[in-house]
C-alpha atoms as a PDB file:
ATOM      1  CA  MET A   1      27.969  11.061 -54.129  1.00  0.00           C
ATOM      2  CA  ALA A   2      31.211  10.385 -55.803  1.00  0.00           C
ATOM      3  CA  LEU A   3      29.565   7.312 -57.841  1.00  0.00           C
ATOM      4  CA  GLN A   4      26.350   9.416 -58.355  1.00  0.00           C
ATOM      5  CA  ALA A   5      28.486  12.258 -60.053  1.00  0.00           C
ATOM      6  CA  ALA A   6      30.531  10.018 -61.988  1.00  0.00           C
ATOM      7  CA  SER A   7      27.384   8.631 -63.524  1.00  0.00           C
ATOM      8  CA  LEU A   8      26.844  12.192 -65.140  1.00  0.00           C
ATOM      9  CA  LEU A   9      29.931  11.786 -67.277  1.00  0.00           C
ATOM     10  CA  PRO A  10      29.548  10.961 -70.755  1.00  0.00           C
ATOM     11  CA  SER A  11      30.461   7.364 -71.660  1.00  0.00           C
ATOM     12  CA  ALA A  12      33.481   8.816 -73.811  1.00  0.00           C
ATOM     13  CA  PHE A  13      35.124   9.871 -70.955  1.00  0.00           C
ATOM     14  CA  ALA A  14      37.460   7.234 -69.427  1.00  0.00           C
ATOM     15  CA  ILE A  15      39.953   7.583 -66.619  1.00  0.00           C
ATOM     16  CA  PRO A  16      43.388   7.555 -68.245  1.00  0.00           C
ATOM     17  CA  LYS A  17      46.172   5.173 -67.376  1.00  0.00           C
ATOM     18  CA  GLU A  18      49.271   6.419 -65.802  1.00  0.00           C
ATOM     19  CA  GLY A  19      51.779   8.023 -68.313  1.00  0.00           C
ATOM     20  CA  LYS A  20      48.886   8.444 -70.863  1.00  0.00           C
ATOM     21  CA  THR A  21      46.924  11.371 -69.425  1.00  0.00           C
ATOM     22  CA  SER A  22      47.447  13.809 -72.252  1.00  0.00           C
ATOM     23  CA  ALA A  23      46.598  11.432 -74.797  1.00  0.00           C
ATOM     24  CA  ALA A  24      43.426  10.265 -72.965  1.00  0.00           C
ATOM     25  CA  LEU A  25      41.984  13.646 -72.376  1.00  0.00           C
ATOM     26  CA  LYS A  26      42.920  15.265 -75.728  1.00  0.00           C
ATOM     27  CA  ASP A  27      39.606  14.558 -77.413  1.00  0.00           C
ATOM     28  CA  SER A  28      37.601  13.445 -74.355  1.00  0.00           C
ATOM     29  CA  SER A  29      34.777  15.880 -73.156  1.00  0.00           C
ATOM     30  CA  LEU A  30      32.985  16.503 -69.788  1.00  0.00           C
ATOM     31  CA  LEU A  31      29.434  17.474 -70.091  1.00  0.00           C
ATOM     32  CA  GLY A  32      29.963  18.550 -73.748  1.00  0.00           C
ATOM     33  CA  VAL A  33      33.105  20.707 -73.080  1.00  0.00           C
ATOM     34  CA  SER A  34      36.144  19.734 -74.686  1.00  0.00           C
ATOM     35  CA  LEU A  35      39.027  18.671 -72.180  1.00  0.00           C
ATOM     36  CA  SER A  36      42.247  19.896 -73.350  1.00  0.00           C
ATOM     37  CA  GLU A  37      45.496  20.247 -71.565  1.00  0.00           C
ATOM     38  CA  HIS A  38      44.587  23.746 -70.239  1.00  0.00           C
ATOM     39  CA  LEU A  39      41.562  22.596 -68.614  1.00  0.00           C
ATOM     40  CA  LYS A  40      43.147  19.771 -66.516  1.00  0.00           C
ATOM     41  CA  ALA A  41      43.363  22.257 -63.599  1.00  0.00           C
ATOM     42  CA  ASP A  42      39.455  22.773 -63.643  1.00  0.00           C
ATOM     43  CA  PHE A  43      38.806  19.065 -63.637  1.00  0.00           C
ATOM     44  CA  SER A  44      38.283  18.919 -59.914  1.00  0.00           C
ATOM     45  CA  ALA A  45      36.076  22.175 -60.148  1.00  0.00           C
ATOM     46  CA  SER A  46      34.021  20.866 -62.825  1.00  0.00           C
ATOM     47  CA  VAL A  47      33.278  17.419 -60.769  1.00  0.00           C
ATOM     48  CA  LEU A  48      32.585  19.690 -57.682  1.00  0.00           C
ATOM     49  CA  ARG A  49      30.166  21.731 -59.788  1.00  0.00           C
ATOM     50  CA  SER A  50      28.683  18.737 -61.335  1.00  0.00           C
ATOM     51  CA  LYS A  51      27.992  17.398 -57.888  1.00  0.00           C
ATOM     52  CA  ARG A  52      26.293  20.600 -56.822  1.00  0.00           C
ATOM     53  CA  GLU A  53      24.073  20.781 -59.735  1.00  0.00           C
ATOM     54  CA  PHE A  54      23.071  17.195 -59.212  1.00  0.00           C
ATOM     55  CA  SER A  55      22.432  17.681 -55.334  1.00  0.00           C
ATOM     56  CA  GLN A  56      20.014  20.705 -56.493  1.00  0.00           C
ATOM     57  CA  ARG A  57      18.296  18.459 -58.940  1.00  0.00           C
ATOM     58  CA  ILE A  58      17.734  15.933 -56.201  1.00  0.00           C
ATOM     59  CA  GLY A  59      16.508  18.409 -53.658  1.00  0.00           C
ATOM     60  CA  PRO A  60      13.324  19.595 -55.311  1.00  0.00           C
ATOM     61  CA  VAL A  61      12.546  15.992 -56.121  1.00  0.00           C
ATOM     62  CA  ARG A  62      12.808  14.868 -52.617  1.00  0.00           C
ATOM     63  CA  ALA A  63      10.595  17.942 -51.472  1.00  0.00           C
ATOM     64  CA  GLN A  64       8.255  17.059 -54.152  1.00  0.00           C
ATOM     65  CA  ALA A  65       7.966  13.397 -53.008  1.00  0.00           C
ATOM     66  CA  VAL A  66       7.143  14.607 -49.635  1.00  0.00           C
ATOM     67  CA  VAL A  67       4.417  17.222 -50.926  1.00  0.00           C
ATOM     68  CA  THR A  68       2.660  14.710 -53.257  1.00  0.00           C
ATOM     69  CA  THR A  69       2.377  11.877 -50.569  1.00  0.00           C
ATOM     70  CA  PRO A  70      -1.465  11.398 -50.335  1.00  0.00           C
ATOM     71  CA  ALA A  71      -2.497  12.519 -47.047  1.00  0.00           C
ATOM     72  CA  VAL A  72      -4.826  10.256 -44.887  1.00  0.00           C
ATOM     73  CA  ASN A  73      -8.073  11.849 -44.461  1.00  0.00           C
ATOM     74  CA  GLN A  74      -9.308  11.442 -41.167  1.00  0.00           C
ATOM     75  CA  ALA A  75     -12.948  12.539 -40.914  1.00  0.00           C
ATOM     76  CA  ALA A  76     -14.145  13.671 -37.666  1.00  0.00           C
ATOM     77  CA  PRO A  77     -15.034  10.541 -35.654  1.00  0.00           C
ATOM     78  CA  GLU A  78     -18.870  10.154 -35.644  1.00  0.00           C
ATOM     79  CA  GLY A  79     -20.426   9.937 -32.416  1.00  0.00           C
ATOM     80  CA  LYS A  80     -20.792   6.673 -30.783  1.00  0.00           C
ATOM     81  CA  LYS A  81     -23.949   5.030 -31.957  1.00  0.00           C
ATOM     82  CA  THR A  82     -26.234   4.232 -29.038  1.00  0.00           C
ATOM     83  CA  LEU A  83     -27.336   0.584 -29.196  1.00  0.00           C
ATOM     84  CA  ARG A  84     -31.186   0.448 -28.775  1.00  0.00           C
ATOM     85  CA  LYS A  85     -32.679  -0.968 -25.607  1.00  0.00           C
ATOM     86  CA  GLY A  86     -32.765  -4.756 -25.265  1.00  0.00           C
ATOM     87  CA  CYS A  87     -36.112  -6.173 -24.760  1.00  0.00           C
ATOM     88  CA  VAL A  88     -36.397  -8.956 -22.024  1.00  0.00           C
ATOM     89  CA  VAL A  89     -39.360 -11.096 -21.081  1.00  0.00           C
ATOM     90  CA  ILE A  90     -39.109 -12.551 -17.517  1.00  0.00           C
ATOM     91  CA  THR A  91     -41.913 -14.858 -16.268  1.00  0.00           C
ATOM     92  CA  GLY A  92     -42.794 -14.891 -12.594  1.00  0.00           C
ATOM     93  CA  ALA A  93     -41.329 -11.207 -12.332  1.00  0.00           C
ATOM     94  CA  SER A  94     -43.385 -10.141  -9.427  1.00  0.00           C
ATOM     95  CA  SER A  95     -41.145 -11.834  -6.674  1.00  0.00           C
ATOM     96  CA  GLY A  96     -38.139 -13.675  -5.912  1.00  0.00           C
ATOM     97  CA  LEU A  97     -35.284 -14.168  -8.556  1.00  0.00           C
ATOM     98  CA  GLY A  98     -37.746 -12.811 -11.229  1.00  0.00           C
ATOM     99  CA  LEU A  99     -38.068  -9.444  -9.447  1.00  0.00           C
ATOM    100  CA  ALA A 100     -34.389  -9.045  -8.727  1.00  0.00           C
ATOM    101  CA  THR A 101     -33.482  -9.910 -12.245  1.00  0.00           C
ATOM    102  CA  ALA A 102     -35.991  -7.496 -13.624  1.00  0.00           C
ATOM    103  CA  LYS A 103     -34.697  -4.610 -11.251  1.00  0.00           C
ATOM    104  CA  ALA A 104     -31.196  -5.264 -12.040  1.00  0.00           C
ATOM    105  CA  LEU A 105     -31.715  -5.066 -15.706  1.00  0.00           C
ATOM    106  CA  ALA A 106     -34.057  -2.225 -15.673  1.00  0.00           C
ATOM    107  CA  GLU A 107     -31.484  -0.074 -13.505  1.00  0.00           C
ATOM    108  CA  THR A 108     -28.799  -0.391 -16.177  1.00  0.00           C
ATOM    109  CA  GLY A 109     -30.988   1.663 -18.373  1.00  0.00           C
ATOM    110  CA  LYS A 110     -30.225  -0.675 -21.369  1.00  0.00           C
ATOM    111  CA  TRP A 111     -33.124  -3.008 -21.064  1.00  0.00           C
ATOM    112  CA  HIS A 112     -36.961  -2.692 -21.302  1.00  0.00           C
ATOM    113  CA  VAL A 113     -38.642  -5.532 -19.044  1.00  0.00           C
ATOM    114  CA  ILE A 114     -41.644  -7.264 -19.907  1.00  0.00           C
ATOM    115  CA  MET A 115     -42.956  -8.719 -16.531  1.00  0.00           C
ATOM    116  CA  ALA A 116     -45.085 -11.616 -17.441  1.00  0.00           C
ATOM    117  CA  CYS A 117     -46.988 -12.460 -14.468  1.00  0.00           C
ATOM    118  CA  ARG A 118     -50.427 -14.000 -13.279  1.00  0.00           C
ATOM    119  CA  ASP A 119     -51.545 -11.108 -11.018  1.00  0.00           C
ATOM    120  CA  PHE A 120     -51.241  -7.727 -12.642  1.00  0.00           C
ATOM    121  CA  LEU A 121     -51.910  -5.351  -9.626  1.00  0.00           C
ATOM    122  CA  LYS A 122     -49.396  -7.744  -7.560  1.00  0.00           C
ATOM    123  CA  THR A 123     -46.695  -7.083 -10.156  1.00  0.00           C
ATOM    124  CA  GLU A 124     -47.330  -3.292 -10.637  1.00  0.00           C
ATOM    125  CA  ARG A 125     -47.152  -2.938  -6.619  1.00  0.00           C
ATOM    126  CA  ALA A 126     -43.771  -5.069  -6.559  1.00  0.00           C
ATOM    127  CA  ALA A 127     -42.248  -3.195  -9.591  1.00  0.00           C
ATOM    128  CA  LYS A 128     -43.159   0.350  -7.748  1.00  0.00           C
ATOM    129  CA  SER A 129     -41.823  -0.987  -4.576  1.00  0.00           C
ATOM    130  CA  ALA A 130     -38.682  -2.110  -6.044  1.00  0.00           C
ATOM    131  CA  GLY A 131     -38.258   1.385  -7.706  1.00  0.00           C
ATOM    132  CA  ILE A 132     -38.253   0.128 -11.236  1.00  0.00           C
ATOM    133  CA  ALA A 133     -38.823   3.288 -13.225  1.00  0.00           C
ATOM    134  CA  LYS A 134     -42.070   3.237 -15.178  1.00  0.00           C
ATOM    135  CA  GLU A 135     -40.515   3.713 -18.793  1.00  0.00           C
ATOM    136  CA  ASN A 136     -38.320   0.634 -18.048  1.00  0.00           C
ATOM    137  CA  TYR A 137     -41.032  -2.009 -17.860  1.00  0.00           C
ATOM    138  CA  THR A 138     -44.302  -3.272 -18.922  1.00  0.00           C
ATOM    139  CA  VAL A 139     -46.653  -5.779 -17.305  1.00  0.00           C
ATOM    140  CA  LEU A 140     -48.391  -8.370 -19.187  1.00  0.00           C
ATOM    141  CA  HIS A 141     -50.867 -11.180 -18.170  1.00  0.00           C
ATOM    142  CA  LEU A 142     -49.439 -14.735 -18.230  1.00  0.00           C
ATOM    143  CA  ASP A 143     -50.780 -17.676 -16.537  1.00  0.00           C
ATOM    144  CA  LEU A 144     -48.363 -20.610 -17.458  1.00  0.00           C
ATOM    145  CA  ALA A 145     -50.854 -23.066 -15.834  1.00  0.00           C
ATOM    146  CA  SER A 146     -53.205 -22.388 -19.040  1.00  0.00           C
ATOM    147  CA  LEU A 147     -52.084 -22.984 -22.456  1.00  0.00           C
ATOM    148  CA  ASP A 148     -54.661 -20.802 -23.924  1.00  0.00           C
ATOM    149  CA  SER A 149     -53.159 -17.965 -21.497  1.00  0.00           C
ATOM    150  CA  VAL A 150     -49.673 -18.716 -23.121  1.00  0.00           C
ATOM    151  CA  ARG A 151     -50.806 -18.224 -26.605  1.00  0.00           C
ATOM    152  CA  GLN A 152     -52.736 -15.011 -25.718  1.00  0.00           C
ATOM    153  CA  PHE A 153     -49.628 -13.359 -24.036  1.00  0.00           C
ATOM    154  CA  VAL A 154     -47.695 -14.288 -27.068  1.00  0.00           C
ATOM    155  CA  ASP A 155     -50.262 -12.551 -29.252  1.00  0.00           C
ATOM    156  CA  ASN A 156     -50.138  -9.624 -26.995  1.00  0.00           C
ATOM    157  CA  PHE A 157     -46.364  -9.267 -26.985  1.00  0.00           C
ATOM    158  CA  LYS A 158     -46.277  -9.539 -30.712  1.00  0.00           C
ATOM    159  CA  ARG A 159     -49.009  -6.823 -31.254  1.00  0.00           C
ATOM    160  CA  SER A 160     -46.909  -4.470 -29.002  1.00  0.00           C
ATOM    161  CA  GLY A 161     -44.201  -4.463 -31.821  1.00  0.00           C
ATOM    162  CA  ARG A 162     -41.251  -4.973 -29.606  1.00  0.00           C
ATOM    163  CA  PRO A 163     -38.407  -7.166 -30.538  1.00  0.00           C
ATOM    164  CA  LEU A 164     -37.463 -10.100 -28.332  1.00  0.00           C
ATOM    165  CA  ASP A 165     -33.811 -10.381 -27.240  1.00  0.00           C
ATOM    166  CA  VAL A 166     -33.865 -12.474 -24.140  1.00  0.00           C
ATOM    167  CA  LEU A 167     -36.618 -14.849 -22.586  1.00  0.00           C
ATOM    168  CA  VAL A 168     -36.040 -15.817 -19.189  1.00  0.00           C
ATOM    169  CA  CYS A 169     -38.166 -18.684 -18.104  1.00  0.00           C
ATOM    170  CA  ASN A 170     -38.272 -18.103 -14.273  1.00  0.00           C
ATOM    171  CA  ALA A 171     -41.875 -18.836 -12.971  1.00  0.00           C
ATOM    172  CA  ALA A 172     -42.480 -21.741 -10.909  1.00  0.00           C
ATOM    173  CA  VAL A 173     -44.941 -23.108  -8.643  1.00  0.00           C
ATOM    174  CA  TYR A 174     -43.529 -25.030  -5.707  1.00  0.00           C
ATOM    175  CA  LEU A 175     -45.833 -27.163  -3.505  1.00  0.00           C
ATOM    176  CA  PRO A 176     -43.862 -29.729  -1.598  1.00  0.00           C
ATOM    177  CA  THR A 177     -46.246 -30.139   1.312  1.00  0.00           C
ATOM    178  CA  ALA A 178     -49.411 -30.301  -0.756  1.00  0.00           C
ATOM    179  CA  LYS A 179     -51.621 -33.252   0.264  1.00  0.00           C
ATOM    180  CA  GLU A 180     -53.356 -33.549  -2.790  1.00  0.00           C
ATOM    181  CA  PRO A 181     -52.355 -32.931  -6.558  1.00  0.00           C
ATOM    182  CA  THR A 182     -53.456 -29.715  -8.368  1.00  0.00           C
ATOM    183  CA  PHE A 183     -54.244 -29.961 -11.947  1.00  0.00           C
ATOM    184  CA  THR A 184     -54.076 -27.318 -14.697  1.00  0.00           C
ATOM    185  CA  ALA A 185     -57.127 -26.533 -17.141  1.00  0.00           C
ATOM    186  CA  GLU A 186     -55.774 -29.023 -19.606  1.00  0.00           C
ATOM    187  CA  GLY A 187     -55.454 -31.849 -16.962  1.00  0.00           C
ATOM    188  CA  PHE A 188     -51.730 -31.774 -16.269  1.00  0.00           C
ATOM    189  CA  GLU A 189     -50.408 -31.819 -12.706  1.00  0.00           C
ATOM    190  CA  LEU A 190     -50.046 -28.369 -11.794  1.00  0.00           C
ATOM    191  CA  SER A 191     -45.941 -28.047 -11.418  1.00  0.00           C
ATOM    192  CA  VAL A 192     -45.646 -30.031 -14.483  1.00  0.00           C
ATOM    193  CA  GLY A 193     -47.917 -27.965 -16.588  1.00  0.00           C
ATOM    194  CA  THR A 194     -46.686 -24.577 -15.156  1.00  0.00           C
ATOM    195  CA  ASN A 195     -43.002 -25.180 -14.660  1.00  0.00           C
ATOM    196  CA  HIS A 196     -42.384 -27.364 -17.962  1.00  0.00           C
ATOM    197  CA  LEU A 197     -45.270 -27.517 -20.393  1.00  0.00           C
ATOM    198  CA  GLY A 198     -46.266 -23.885 -20.003  1.00  0.00           C
ATOM    199  CA  HIS A 199     -42.739 -22.619 -20.548  1.00  0.00           C
ATOM    200  CA  PHE A 200     -42.087 -25.010 -23.288  1.00  0.00           C
ATOM    201  CA  LEU A 201     -45.146 -23.634 -25.346  1.00  0.00           C
ATOM    202  CA  LEU A 202     -43.936 -20.057 -24.632  1.00  0.00           C
ATOM    203  CA  SER A 203     -40.511 -20.805 -25.843  1.00  0.00           C
ATOM    204  CA  ARG A 204     -41.707 -22.530 -28.962  1.00  0.00           C
ATOM    205  CA  LEU A 205     -43.825 -19.767 -29.978  1.00  0.00           C
ATOM    206  CA  LEU A 206     -41.335 -17.068 -29.475  1.00  0.00           C
ATOM    207  CA  LEU A 207     -38.383 -18.886 -30.718  1.00  0.00           C
ATOM    208  CA  ASP A 208     -38.714 -17.355 -34.255  1.00  0.00           C
ATOM    209  CA  ASP A 209     -38.985 -13.583 -32.696  1.00  0.00           C
ATOM    210  CA  LEU A 210     -35.792 -14.541 -30.640  1.00  0.00           C
ATOM    211  CA  LYS A 211     -33.895 -15.647 -33.810  1.00  0.00           C
ATOM    212  CA  GLN A 212     -34.828 -12.519 -35.604  1.00  0.00           C
ATOM    213  CA  SER A 213     -33.111 -10.460 -32.885  1.00  0.00           C
ATOM    214  CA  ASP A 214     -30.132  -8.302 -33.897  1.00  0.00           C
ATOM    215  CA  TYR A 215     -29.190  -7.803 -30.416  1.00  0.00           C
ATOM    216  CA  PRO A 216     -25.517  -9.186 -29.417  1.00  0.00           C
ATOM    217  CA  SER A 217     -26.722 -10.690 -26.152  1.00  0.00           C
ATOM    218  CA  LYS A 218     -29.878 -12.780 -27.206  1.00  0.00           C
ATOM    219  CA  ARG A 219     -30.396 -15.811 -25.574  1.00  0.00           C
ATOM    220  CA  LEU A 220     -33.035 -18.085 -23.857  1.00  0.00           C
ATOM    221  CA  ILE A 221     -32.453 -18.731 -20.142  1.00  0.00           C
ATOM    222  CA  ILE A 222     -34.447 -21.380 -18.211  1.00  0.00           C
ATOM    223  CA  VAL A 223     -34.105 -21.107 -14.394  1.00  0.00           C
ATOM    224  CA  GLY A 224     -33.931 -24.215 -12.298  1.00  0.00           C
ATOM    225  CA  SER A 225     -33.710 -23.304  -8.667  1.00  0.00           C
ATOM    226  CA  ILE A 226     -35.643 -23.153  -5.472  1.00  0.00           C
ATOM    227  CA  THR A 227     -33.380 -20.876  -3.737  1.00  0.00           C
ATOM    228  CA  GLY A 228     -35.760 -17.737  -4.751  1.00  0.00           C
ATOM    229  CA  ASN A 229     -38.426 -19.290  -2.889  1.00  0.00           C
ATOM    230  CA  THR A 230     -39.057 -16.941   0.134  1.00  0.00           C
ATOM    231  CA  ASN A 231     -40.714 -19.840   2.227  1.00  0.00           C
ATOM    232  CA  THR A 232     -37.717 -21.916   1.596  1.00  0.00           C
ATOM    233  CA  LEU A 233     -35.337 -19.145   2.688  1.00  0.00           C
ATOM    234  CA  ALA A 234     -37.406 -18.365   5.781  1.00  0.00           C
ATOM    235  CA  GLY A 235     -37.195 -21.759   6.887  1.00  0.00           C
ATOM    236  CA  ASN A 236     -41.046 -22.220   6.502  1.00  0.00           C
ATOM    237  CA  VAL A 237     -40.602 -25.605   4.486  1.00  0.00           C
ATOM    238  CA  PRO A 238     -39.735 -28.891   6.049  1.00  0.00           C
ATOM    239  CA  PRO A 239     -35.927 -29.771   5.189  1.00  0.00           C
ATOM    240  CA  LYS A 240     -37.022 -32.921   3.768  1.00  0.00           C
ATOM    241  CA  ALA A 241     -39.284 -31.347   1.383  1.00  0.00           C
ATOM    242  CA  ASN A 242     -36.289 -29.318  -0.244  1.00  0.00           C
ATOM    243  CA  LEU A 243     -34.816 -32.492  -0.869  1.00  0.00           C
ATOM    244  CA  GLY A 244     -37.882 -33.794  -2.549  1.00  0.00           C
ATOM    245  CA  ILE A 245     -38.096 -36.734  -0.038  1.00  0.00           C
END
């Protein structure tokens, strides 16, 4: 504060050297007031008074600085936006892993499940038996052993106006004990035509829809497992058949 107060003194004022007090102060002034010999005694009082005036000037400035600091306007937080339900297509959703997946996703309340199956009535009964709420699923006919059926399914799905966020290629035929091969309408061996070619065409026709999805969890899932086969789990299939021998 001593340095701040001294800055208020005019440049004409100089601290006198010892022995030259009278001469140095004779024509000097402090804040426009002539300093003569009879004002020496008031020197300290003048400095203190200057300090007070300086402090009084600083005080309001500091207060003003606080007042004029722009306040951060925090608008009332908007309600958290609810993300739309995702739409997932699951082939072979009437039993096994497909039904278990449909049930698990539907129960979250965050997904609408398209159960793509050959047997419409069987799928409806399975969904009801699993306790899936009606508003959380739709059954659409799909026979992967027929490429025409695949194309018809895609057309029906697109007409529904629903987005596609996840495609689960789960359906499969598993005939390890068949005596004779079975063929699709197009002439392909049944397991190859259903498990591979049918799903390939389905994925290819729906790929653009999947790309256009704005859902954060969009994906294409291809299931390759026989663990969901109820005959296998029940032990009704010979062990060697499980190994493809």
